[in-house]
N, C-alpha and C. Protein backbone atom coordinates (compact mmCIF):
# COMPACT_ATOMS: atom_id res chain seq x y z
N MET A 1 148.58 108.11 -11.21
CA MET A 1 147.81 109.10 -10.47
C MET A 1 146.33 108.72 -10.48
N ALA A 2 145.86 108.25 -11.60
CA ALA A 2 144.45 107.87 -11.71
C ALA A 2 144.12 106.69 -10.80
N LYS A 3 145.06 105.75 -10.68
CA LYS A 3 144.84 104.60 -9.80
C LYS A 3 144.73 105.04 -8.35
N ALA A 4 145.57 105.99 -7.94
CA ALA A 4 145.53 106.49 -6.57
C ALA A 4 144.21 107.22 -6.31
N PHE A 5 143.76 107.99 -7.28
CA PHE A 5 142.49 108.70 -7.13
C PHE A 5 141.33 107.71 -7.02
N LYS A 6 141.36 106.66 -7.83
CA LYS A 6 140.31 105.64 -7.78
C LYS A 6 140.27 104.97 -6.41
N LYS A 7 141.45 104.65 -5.86
CA LYS A 7 141.51 104.03 -4.54
C LYS A 7 140.99 104.98 -3.46
N ALA A 8 141.27 106.27 -3.60
CA ALA A 8 140.78 107.25 -2.64
C ALA A 8 139.26 107.33 -2.68
N ILE A 9 138.69 107.29 -3.87
CA ILE A 9 137.23 107.32 -4.02
C ILE A 9 136.62 106.07 -3.41
N GLU A 10 137.22 104.91 -3.66
CA GLU A 10 136.71 103.65 -3.10
C GLU A 10 136.79 103.67 -1.57
N ALA A 11 137.89 104.18 -1.02
CA ALA A 11 138.04 104.25 0.43
C ALA A 11 137.01 105.19 1.04
N GLY A 12 136.78 106.32 0.40
CA GLY A 12 135.78 107.26 0.88
C GLY A 12 134.38 106.68 0.84
N ARG A 13 134.07 105.98 -0.22
CA ARG A 13 132.76 105.35 -0.35
C ARG A 13 132.56 104.29 0.73
N GLU A 14 133.59 103.48 0.97
CA GLU A 14 133.51 102.44 2.00
C GLU A 14 133.35 103.07 3.39
N ALA A 15 134.08 104.14 3.65
CA ALA A 15 133.97 104.82 4.94
C ALA A 15 132.57 105.38 5.14
N ARG A 16 131.99 105.92 4.09
CA ARG A 16 130.63 106.48 4.19
C ARG A 16 129.61 105.37 4.47
N GLU A 17 129.78 104.22 3.84
CA GLU A 17 128.86 103.10 4.05
C GLU A 17 128.95 102.56 5.47
N ILE A 18 130.15 102.55 6.04
CA ILE A 18 130.35 102.05 7.40
C ILE A 18 129.68 102.97 8.42
N GLY A 19 129.77 104.26 8.20
CA GLY A 19 129.13 105.22 9.09
C GLY A 19 130.07 105.73 10.18
N LEU A 20 129.51 106.56 11.05
CA LEU A 20 130.28 107.17 12.12
C LEU A 20 130.54 106.19 13.25
N ALA A 21 131.65 106.40 13.92
CA ALA A 21 131.99 105.56 15.07
C ALA A 21 131.08 105.91 16.25
N GLU A 22 130.94 104.97 17.15
CA GLU A 22 130.12 105.16 18.34
C GLU A 22 130.75 106.23 19.24
N LYS A 23 129.92 107.11 19.81
CA LYS A 23 130.41 108.15 20.71
C LYS A 23 130.54 107.58 22.11
N LEU A 24 131.70 107.82 22.72
CA LEU A 24 131.97 107.35 24.07
C LEU A 24 132.14 108.53 25.01
N ALA A 25 131.91 108.32 26.30
CA ALA A 25 132.06 109.37 27.30
C ALA A 25 133.52 109.73 27.51
N SER A 26 134.42 108.76 27.35
CA SER A 26 135.84 109.02 27.53
C SER A 26 136.65 108.24 26.50
N ALA A 27 137.87 108.67 26.31
CA ALA A 27 138.74 108.02 25.34
C ALA A 27 139.31 106.73 25.91
N ALA A 28 139.65 105.81 25.02
CA ALA A 28 140.28 104.55 25.43
C ALA A 28 141.50 104.33 24.54
N ALA A 29 142.65 104.18 25.16
CA ALA A 29 143.89 103.98 24.40
C ALA A 29 143.87 102.61 23.71
N THR A 30 144.31 102.58 22.47
CA THR A 30 144.40 101.33 21.73
C THR A 30 145.72 101.28 20.99
N SER A 31 146.08 100.13 20.56
CA SER A 31 147.29 99.94 19.78
C SER A 31 147.01 98.87 18.74
N PRO A 32 147.49 99.04 17.52
CA PRO A 32 147.28 98.00 16.52
C PRO A 32 147.99 96.70 16.89
N LEU A 33 148.98 96.78 17.77
CA LEU A 33 149.71 95.58 18.16
C LEU A 33 149.06 94.83 19.30
N THR A 34 148.10 95.44 20.00
CA THR A 34 147.48 94.80 21.16
C THR A 34 146.92 93.43 20.80
N GLY A 35 146.10 93.35 19.79
CA GLY A 35 145.53 92.08 19.38
C GLY A 35 146.57 91.15 18.78
N PHE A 36 147.50 91.73 18.03
CA PHE A 36 148.53 90.94 17.38
C PHE A 36 149.42 90.22 18.39
N LEU A 37 149.78 90.90 19.47
CA LEU A 37 150.69 90.30 20.45
C LEU A 37 150.04 89.20 21.26
N THR A 38 148.71 89.24 21.39
CA THR A 38 148.04 88.22 22.19
C THR A 38 147.55 87.06 21.33
N GLN A 39 147.63 87.18 20.02
CA GLN A 39 147.20 86.10 19.14
C GLN A 39 148.42 85.34 18.64
N SER A 40 148.48 84.08 18.97
CA SER A 40 149.55 83.23 18.48
C SER A 40 149.06 81.79 18.50
N VAL A 41 149.86 80.89 18.02
CA VAL A 41 149.49 79.48 18.03
C VAL A 41 149.34 79.05 19.48
N GLY A 42 148.23 78.46 19.82
CA GLY A 42 147.99 78.03 21.18
C GLY A 42 147.40 79.11 22.06
N GLY A 43 147.24 80.33 21.52
CA GLY A 43 146.63 81.40 22.29
C GLY A 43 147.51 82.00 23.37
N GLN A 44 148.81 81.70 23.35
CA GLN A 44 149.72 82.24 24.36
C GLN A 44 150.40 83.49 23.83
N ASP A 45 150.72 84.38 24.74
CA ASP A 45 151.42 85.59 24.38
C ASP A 45 152.85 85.23 23.97
N PRO A 46 153.28 85.55 22.73
CA PRO A 46 154.62 85.17 22.28
C PRO A 46 155.73 85.90 23.03
N CYS A 47 155.40 86.97 23.76
CA CYS A 47 156.40 87.72 24.50
C CYS A 47 156.66 87.13 25.88
N VAL A 48 155.85 86.18 26.31
CA VAL A 48 156.00 85.58 27.63
C VAL A 48 156.69 84.23 27.46
N ARG A 49 157.78 84.07 28.16
CA ARG A 49 158.51 82.80 28.10
C ARG A 49 157.98 81.86 29.16
N VAL A 50 157.80 80.62 28.77
CA VAL A 50 157.27 79.61 29.69
C VAL A 50 158.41 78.86 30.34
């Protein structure tokens, strides 16, 4: 339990140091897989067959 609390404190401290995100006029959809799917050896999309 103490380890989890320590990690929570560290995460909170890091988030405070980073600061607030930039305010935008409108929302933009994102996905954690967007960058992952386009990054591969040779820079080609692994989902596209040649």
